[in-house]
Amino acid sequence: MKTDVFALRHIGIREEDLNSMFNTVGVENLEQLIFETIPDHIRLKE
């Protein structure tokens, strides 16, 4: 395996790491984090 390129050796985040980060900042999920940190007037409306 070629390891000199970050994309080829990056394995991504584990679910438990993501949950730990959410707990640290006091949110339940990514949607809540976005809602609480990105101002409404610049969020993409779908």
PDB file of N, CA and C in Angstrom:
ATOM      1  N   MET A   1       0.840  -1.184   0.000  1.00  0.00           N
ATOM      2  CA  MET A   1       0.000   0.000   0.000  1.00  0.00           C
ATOM      3  C   MET A   1       0.882   1.243   0.000  1.00  0.00           C
ATOM      4  N   LYS A   2       0.552   2.173  -0.833  1.00  0.00           N
ATOM      5  CA  LYS A   2       1.279   3.439  -0.890  1.00  0.00           C
ATOM      6  C   LYS A   2       0.821   4.303   0.291  1.00  0.00           C
ATOM      7  N   THR A   3       1.762   4.715   1.144  1.00  0.00           N
ATOM      8  CA  THR A   3       1.384   5.435   2.366  1.00  0.00           C
ATOM      9  C   THR A   3       1.836   6.889   2.397  1.00  0.00           C
ATOM     10  N   ASP A   4       2.347   7.390   1.296  1.00  0.00           N
ATOM     11  CA  ASP A   4       2.813   8.777   1.300  1.00  0.00           C
ATOM     12  C   ASP A   4       1.704   9.778   0.957  1.00  0.00           C
ATOM     13  N   VAL A   5       0.535   9.285   0.639  1.00  0.00           N
ATOM     14  CA  VAL A   5      -0.607  10.145   0.342  1.00  0.00           C
ATOM     15  C   VAL A   5      -1.632   9.971   1.455  1.00  0.00           C
ATOM     16  N   PHE A   6      -2.016  11.082   2.098  1.00  0.00           N
ATOM     17  CA  PHE A   6      -2.919  11.011   3.243  1.00  0.00           C
ATOM     18  C   PHE A   6      -4.218  10.283   2.916  1.00  0.00           C
ATOM     19  N   ALA A   7      -4.824  10.583   1.781  1.00  0.00           N
ATOM     20  CA  ALA A   7      -6.112   9.981   1.437  1.00  0.00           C
ATOM     21  C   ALA A   7      -6.036   8.463   1.391  1.00  0.00           C
ATOM     22  N   LEU A   8      -4.902   7.927   1.023  1.00  0.00           N
ATOM     23  CA  LEU A   8      -4.764   6.479   0.940  1.00  0.00           C
ATOM     24  C   LEU A   8      -4.570   5.822   2.302  1.00  0.00           C
ATOM     25  N   ARG A   9      -4.171   6.575   3.301  1.00  0.00           N
ATOM     26  CA  ARG A   9      -3.942   5.976   4.613  1.00  0.00           C
ATOM     27  C   ARG A   9      -4.940   6.441   5.664  1.00  0.00           C
ATOM     28  N   HIS A  10      -5.852   7.316   5.288  1.00  0.00           N
ATOM     29  CA  HIS A  10      -6.860   7.807   6.224  1.00  0.00           C
ATOM     30  C   HIS A  10      -7.989   6.786   6.336  1.00  0.00           C
ATOM     31  N   ILE A  11      -8.286   6.363   7.554  1.00  0.00           N
ATOM     32  CA  ILE A  11      -9.315   5.339   7.739  1.00  0.00           C
ATOM     33  C   ILE A  11     -10.648   5.921   8.189  1.00  0.00           C
ATOM     34  N   GLY A  12     -10.700   7.207   8.410  1.00  0.00           N
ATOM     35  CA  GLY A  12     -11.958   7.833   8.802  1.00  0.00           C
ATOM     36  C   GLY A  12     -12.199   7.775  10.296  1.00  0.00           C
ATOM     37  N   ILE A  13     -13.306   8.340  10.694  1.00  0.00           N
ATOM     38  CA  ILE A  13     -13.643   8.433  12.105  1.00  0.00           C
ATOM     39  C   ILE A  13     -14.509   7.237  12.511  1.00  0.00           C
ATOM     40  N   ARG A  14     -14.285   6.769  13.724  1.00  0.00           N
ATOM     41  CA  ARG A  14     -15.099   5.675  14.247  1.00  0.00           C
ATOM     42  C   ARG A  14     -16.348   6.249  14.910  1.00  0.00           C
ATOM     43  N   GLU A  15     -17.412   5.481  14.929  1.00  0.00           N
ATOM     44  CA  GLU A  15     -18.680   5.918  15.520  1.00  0.00           C
ATOM     45  C   GLU A  15     -18.503   6.340  16.974  1.00  0.00           C
ATOM     46  N   GLU A  16     -17.704   5.597  17.735  1.00  0.00           N
ATOM     47  CA  GLU A  16     -17.510   5.954  19.148  1.00  0.00           C
ATOM     48  C   GLU A  16     -16.740   7.268  19.303  1.00  0.00           C
ATOM     49  N   ASP A  17     -15.843   7.570  18.363  1.00  0.00           N
ATOM     50  CA  ASP A  17     -15.137   8.853  18.388  1.00  0.00           C
ATOM     51  C   ASP A  17     -16.108   9.998  18.117  1.00  0.00           C
ATOM     52  N   LEU A  18     -16.975   9.794  17.158  1.00  0.00           N
ATOM     53  CA  LEU A  18     -17.967  10.806  16.818  1.00  0.00           C
ATOM     54  C   LEU A  18     -18.884  11.074  18.013  1.00  0.00           C
ATOM     55  N   ASN A  19     -19.356  10.022  18.658  1.00  0.00           N
ATOM     56  CA  ASN A  19     -20.218  10.187  19.828  1.00  0.00           C
ATOM     57  C   ASN A  19     -19.486  10.876  20.968  1.00  0.00           C
ATOM     58  N   SER A  20     -18.222  10.572  21.142  1.00  0.00           N
ATOM     59  CA  SER A  20     -17.426  11.226  22.177  1.00  0.00           C
ATOM     60  C   SER A  20     -17.308  12.725  21.902  1.00  0.00           C
ATOM     61  N   MET A  21     -17.094  13.079  20.637  1.00  0.00           N
ATOM     62  CA  MET A  21     -17.018  14.498  20.274  1.00  0.00           C
ATOM     63  C   MET A  21     -18.349  15.198  20.516  1.00  0.00           C
ATOM     64  N   PHE A  22     -19.443  14.542  20.164  1.00  0.00           N
ATOM     65  CA  PHE A  22     -20.766  15.124  20.408  1.00  0.00           C
ATOM     66  C   PHE A  22     -20.984  15.350  21.899  1.00  0.00           C
ATOM     67  N   ASN A  23     -20.618  14.373  22.719  1.00  0.00           N
ATOM     68  CA  ASN A  23     -20.760  14.517  24.168  1.00  0.00           C
ATOM     69  C   ASN A  23     -19.920  15.673  24.692  1.00  0.00           C
ATOM     70  N   THR A  24     -18.719  15.820  24.169  1.00  0.00           N
ATOM     71  CA  THR A  24     -17.821  16.886  24.612  1.00  0.00           C
ATOM     72  C   THR A  24     -18.411  18.270  24.364  1.00  0.00           C
ATOM     73  N   VAL A  25     -19.045  18.448  23.210  1.00  0.00           N
ATOM     74  CA  VAL A  25     -19.603  19.765  22.888  1.00  0.00           C
ATOM     75  C   VAL A  25     -21.073  19.901  23.271  1.00  0.00           C
ATOM     76  N   GLY A  26     -21.660  18.837  23.808  1.00  0.00           N
ATOM     77  CA  GLY A  26     -23.021  18.908  24.334  1.00  0.00           C
ATOM     78  C   GLY A  26     -24.142  18.842  23.319  1.00  0.00           C
ATOM     79  N   VAL A  27     -23.940  18.052  22.263  1.00  0.00           N
ATOM     80  CA  VAL A  27     -25.003  17.858  21.274  1.00  0.00           C
ATOM     81  C   VAL A  27     -25.268  16.368  21.109  1.00  0.00           C
ATOM     82  N   GLU A  28     -26.424  16.058  20.526  1.00  0.00           N
ATOM     83  CA  GLU A  28     -26.809  14.659  20.321  1.00  0.00           C
ATOM     84  C   GLU A  28     -26.314  14.092  18.989  1.00  0.00           C
ATOM     85  N   ASN A  29     -26.203  14.962  17.972  1.00  0.00           N
ATOM     86  CA  ASN A  29     -25.862  14.471  16.637  1.00  0.00           C
ATOM     87  C   ASN A  29     -25.316  15.608  15.772  1.00  0.00           C
ATOM     88  N   LEU A  30     -24.919  15.262  14.559  1.00  0.00           N
ATOM     89  CA  LEU A  30     -24.337  16.243  13.644  1.00  0.00           C
ATOM     90  C   LEU A  30     -25.348  17.318  13.255  1.00  0.00           C
ATOM     91  N   GLU A  31     -26.586  16.927  13.059  1.00  0.00           N
ATOM     92  CA  GLU A  31     -27.624  17.900  12.700  1.00  0.00           C
ATOM     93  C   GLU A  31     -27.769  18.973  13.783  1.00  0.00           C
ATOM     94  N   GLN A  32     -27.784  18.565  15.040  1.00  0.00           N
ATOM     95  CA  GLN A  32     -27.886  19.531  16.135  1.00  0.00           C
ATOM     96  C   GLN A  32     -26.647  20.421  16.196  1.00  0.00           C
ATOM     97  N   LEU A  33     -25.478  19.846  15.981  1.00  0.00           N
ATOM     98  CA  LEU A  33     -24.244  20.628  15.980  1.00  0.00           C
ATOM     99  C   LEU A  33     -24.294  21.717  14.907  1.00  0.00           C
ATOM    100  N   ILE A  34     -24.717  21.344  13.718  1.00  0.00           N
ATOM    101  CA  ILE A  34     -24.828  22.316  12.627  1.00  0.00           C
ATOM    102  C   ILE A  34     -25.850  23.386  12.977  1.00  0.00           C
ATOM    103  N   PHE A  35     -27.005  22.984  13.486  1.00  0.00           N
ATOM    104  CA  PHE A  35     -28.063  23.925  13.843  1.00  0.00           C
ATOM    105  C   PHE A  35     -27.582  24.935  14.877  1.00  0.00           C
ATOM    106  N   GLU A  36     -26.775  24.474  15.830  1.00  0.00           N
ATOM    107  CA  GLU A  36     -26.333  25.347  16.912  1.00  0.00           C
ATOM    108  C   GLU A  36     -25.088  26.176  16.583  1.00  0.00           C
ATOM    109  N   THR A  37     -24.390  25.844  15.505  1.00  0.00           N
ATOM    110  CA  THR A  37     -23.149  26.564  15.204  1.00  0.00           C
ATOM    111  C   THR A  37     -23.180  27.387  13.919  1.00  0.00           C
ATOM    112  N   ILE A  38     -23.978  26.980  12.952  1.00  0.00           N
ATOM    113  CA  ILE A  38     -24.040  27.695  11.674  1.00  0.00           C
ATOM    114  C   ILE A  38     -25.254  28.627  11.701  1.00  0.00           C
ATOM    115  N   PRO A  39     -25.051  29.921  11.533  1.00  0.00           N
ATOM    116  CA  PRO A  39     -26.182  30.848  11.543  1.00  0.00           C
ATOM    117  C   PRO A  39     -27.235  30.475  10.493  1.00  0.00           C
ATOM    118  N   ASP A  40     -28.490  30.606  10.867  1.00  0.00           N
ATOM    119  CA  ASP A  40     -29.600  30.216   9.998  1.00  0.00           C
ATOM    120  C   ASP A  40     -29.538  30.893   8.630  1.00  0.00           C
ATOM    121  N   HIS A  41     -29.169  32.144   8.584  1.00  0.00           N
ATOM    122  CA  HIS A  41     -29.203  32.878   7.315  1.00  0.00           C
ATOM    123  C   HIS A  41     -28.141  32.430   6.305  1.00  0.00           C
ATOM    124  N   ILE A  42     -27.182  31.613   6.719  1.00  0.00           N
ATOM    125  CA  ILE A  42     -26.198  31.119   5.746  1.00  0.00           C
ATOM    126  C   ILE A  42     -26.321  29.618   5.506  1.00  0.00           C
ATOM    127  N   ARG A  43     -27.239  28.947   6.211  1.00  0.00           N
ATOM    128  CA  ARG A  43     -27.454  27.512   5.983  1.00  0.00           C
ATOM    129  C   ARG A  43     -28.228  27.293   4.694  1.00  0.00           C
ATOM    130  N   LEU A  44     -27.877  26.239   3.967  1.00  0.00           N
ATOM    131  CA  LEU A  44     -28.577  25.873   2.742  1.00  0.00           C
ATOM    132  C   LEU A  44     -29.950  25.324   3.108  1.00  0.00           C
ATOM    133  N   LYS A  45     -30.986  25.888   2.516  1.00  0.00           N
ATOM    134  CA  LYS A  45     -32.355  25.415   2.742  1.00  0.00           C
ATOM    135  C   LYS A  45     -32.679  24.368   1.687  1.00  0.00           C
ATOM    136  N   GLU A  46     -33.140  23.228   2.130  1.00  0.00           N
ATOM    137  CA  GLU A  46     -33.490  22.168   1.167  1.00  0.00           C
ATOM    138  C   GLU A  46     -34.977  21.987   1.098  1.00  0.00           C
TER     139      GLU A  46
END
